[in-house]
Amino acid sequence: MGVAVCDCRLSMSKQNMFAYFEEDMAKALDAMSTGMSCRKAAVAFGIPKTTLLYKHTGKYPVKRKMGPSTVLSESEEKVL
């Protein structure tokens, strides 16, 4: 008896990182601070619910950069 081998590859869709504008995030956080629920703010401003919740509670900083931190500071780079 032979073993059937499937040579098909599963493709995973690439997620869009930061698929929202910073202005929308600020508006959503303002709306949450005035009493709007996290779910309603996420739908209204097009931001992932979990991301909005984490930024509201402080688990993630409101402004976040991707990648490793820089070795040189901005002033050191300007000198170069």
C-alpha atoms as a PDB file:
ATOM      1  CA  MET A   1       0.000   0.000   0.000  1.00  0.00           C
ATOM      2  CA  GLY A   2       1.388   3.383  -0.951  1.00  0.00           C
ATOM      3  CA  VAL A   3       1.120   6.537   1.036  1.00  0.00           C
ATOM      4  CA  ALA A   4      -0.523   9.479  -0.677  1.00  0.00           C
ATOM      5  CA  VAL A   5       1.532  12.626  -0.418  1.00  0.00           C
ATOM      6  CA  CYS A   6       0.029  15.999  -1.108  1.00  0.00           C
ATOM      7  CA  ASP A   7       2.475  18.451  -2.635  1.00  0.00           C
ATOM      8  CA  CYS A   8       0.184  21.413  -2.301  1.00  0.00           C
ATOM      9  CA  ARG A   9       1.360  24.483  -0.461  1.00  0.00           C
ATOM     10  CA  LEU A  10      -0.870  26.455   1.801  1.00  0.00           C
ATOM     11  CA  SER A  11      -0.535  30.141   1.201  1.00  0.00           C
ATOM     12  CA  MET A  12      -1.128  32.505   4.042  1.00  0.00           C
ATOM     13  CA  SER A  13      -2.251  35.998   3.272  1.00  0.00           C
ATOM     14  CA  LYS A  14       0.145  38.697   4.351  1.00  0.00           C
ATOM     15  CA  GLN A  15      -1.402  40.919   6.973  1.00  0.00           C
ATOM     16  CA  ASN A  16      -1.250  44.638   6.486  1.00  0.00           C
ATOM     17  CA  MET A  17       0.658  46.114   9.372  1.00  0.00           C
ATOM     18  CA  PHE A  18      -0.657  49.469  10.548  1.00  0.00           C
ATOM     19  CA  ALA A  19      -3.620  49.419   8.178  1.00  0.00           C
ATOM     20  CA  TYR A  20      -4.988  52.617   9.747  1.00  0.00           C
ATOM     21  CA  PHE A  21      -4.010  56.264   9.986  1.00  0.00           C
ATOM     22  CA  GLU A  22      -2.634  57.828  13.164  1.00  0.00           C
ATOM     23  CA  GLU A  23      -5.379  60.467  13.004  1.00  0.00           C
ATOM     24  CA  ASP A  24      -8.024  57.729  13.082  1.00  0.00           C
ATOM     25  CA  MET A  25      -6.300  56.137  16.081  1.00  0.00           C
ATOM     26  CA  ALA A  26      -6.304  59.480  17.915  1.00  0.00           C
ATOM     27  CA  LYS A  27      -9.988  60.025  17.107  1.00  0.00           C
ATOM     28  CA  ALA A  28     -10.869  56.501  18.258  1.00  0.00           C
ATOM     29  CA  LEU A  29      -8.975  56.937  21.534  1.00  0.00           C
ATOM     30  CA  ASP A  30     -10.724  60.285  22.101  1.00  0.00           C
ATOM     31  CA  ALA A  31     -14.085  58.646  21.433  1.00  0.00           C
ATOM     32  CA  MET A  32     -13.284  55.891  23.929  1.00  0.00           C
ATOM     33  CA  SER A  33     -12.281  58.433  26.565  1.00  0.00           C
ATOM     34  CA  THR A  34     -15.681  60.132  26.168  1.00  0.00           C
ATOM     35  CA  GLY A  35     -17.554  56.879  26.730  1.00  0.00           C
ATOM     36  CA  MET A  36     -17.741  55.050  23.394  1.00  0.00           C
ATOM     37  CA  SER A  37     -17.145  51.317  23.659  1.00  0.00           C
ATOM     38  CA  CYS A  38     -14.001  49.787  22.223  1.00  0.00           C
ATOM     39  CA  ARG A  39     -15.957  47.697  19.738  1.00  0.00           C
ATOM     40  CA  LYS A  40     -17.986  50.638  18.433  1.00  0.00           C
ATOM     41  CA  ALA A  41     -14.885  52.827  18.126  1.00  0.00           C
ATOM     42  CA  ALA A  42     -13.028  50.064  16.286  1.00  0.00           C
ATOM     43  CA  VAL A  43     -15.840  49.676  13.759  1.00  0.00           C
ATOM     44  CA  ALA A  44     -16.384  53.429  13.378  1.00  0.00           C
ATOM     45  CA  PHE A  45     -12.723  54.252  12.735  1.00  0.00           C
ATOM     46  CA  GLY A  46     -11.588  51.048  11.000  1.00  0.00           C
ATOM     47  CA  ILE A  47      -9.015  49.983  13.573  1.00  0.00           C
ATOM     48  CA  PRO A  48      -8.563  46.425  14.881  1.00  0.00           C
ATOM     49  CA  LYS A  49     -10.409  46.048  18.185  1.00  0.00           C
ATOM     50  CA  THR A  50      -7.513  44.439  20.041  1.00  0.00           C
ATOM     51  CA  THR A  51      -5.025  47.054  18.868  1.00  0.00           C
ATOM     52  CA  LEU A  52      -7.333  49.831  20.001  1.00  0.00           C
ATOM     53  CA  LEU A  53      -7.867  48.189  23.377  1.00  0.00           C
ATOM     54  CA  TYR A  54      -4.139  47.652  23.946  1.00  0.00           C
ATOM     55  CA  LYS A  55      -3.343  51.262  23.065  1.00  0.00           C
ATOM     56  CA  HIS A  56      -6.153  52.511  25.309  1.00  0.00           C
ATOM     57  CA  THR A  57      -4.979  50.458  28.293  1.00  0.00           C
ATOM     58  CA  GLY A  58      -1.308  51.276  27.722  1.00  0.00           C
ATOM     59  CA  LYS A  59      -0.115  47.808  26.777  1.00  0.00           C
ATOM     60  CA  TYR A  60       1.109  49.257  23.451  1.00  0.00           C
ATOM     61  CA  PRO A  61       2.400  52.817  23.108  1.00  0.00           C
ATOM     62  CA  VAL A  62       0.151  55.064  21.032  1.00  0.00           C
ATOM     63  CA  LYS A  63       2.989  55.816  18.602  1.00  0.00           C
ATOM     64  CA  ARG A  64       4.954  52.728  17.721  1.00  0.00           C
ATOM     65  CA  LYS A  65       7.753  52.122  15.249  1.00  0.00           C
ATOM     66  CA  MET A  66       8.476  48.842  13.539  1.00  0.00           C
ATOM     67  CA  GLY A  67      11.898  47.235  13.599  1.00  0.00           C
ATOM     68  CA  PRO A  68      14.820  47.404  15.987  1.00  0.00           C
ATOM     69  CA  SER A  69      15.760  50.599  17.760  1.00  0.00           C
ATOM     70  CA  THR A  70      18.410  52.778  16.184  1.00  0.00           C
ATOM     71  CA  VAL A  71      22.047  52.596  17.261  1.00  0.00           C
ATOM     72  CA  LEU A  72      22.727  56.305  16.820  1.00  0.00           C
ATOM     73  CA  SER A  73      20.563  59.105  18.129  1.00  0.00           C
ATOM     74  CA  GLU A  74      19.158  61.714  15.750  1.00  0.00           C
ATOM     75  CA  SER A  75      21.761  64.274  16.822  1.00  0.00           C
ATOM     76  CA  GLU A  76      24.593  61.777  16.222  1.00  0.00           C
ATOM     77  CA  GLU A  77      23.234  61.046  12.749  1.00  0.00           C
ATOM     78  CA  LYS A  78      23.131  64.748  11.898  1.00  0.00           C
ATOM     79  CA  VAL A  79      26.821  65.075  12.852  1.00  0.00           C
ATOM     80  CA  LEU A  80      27.667  62.335  10.361  1.00  0.00           C
END
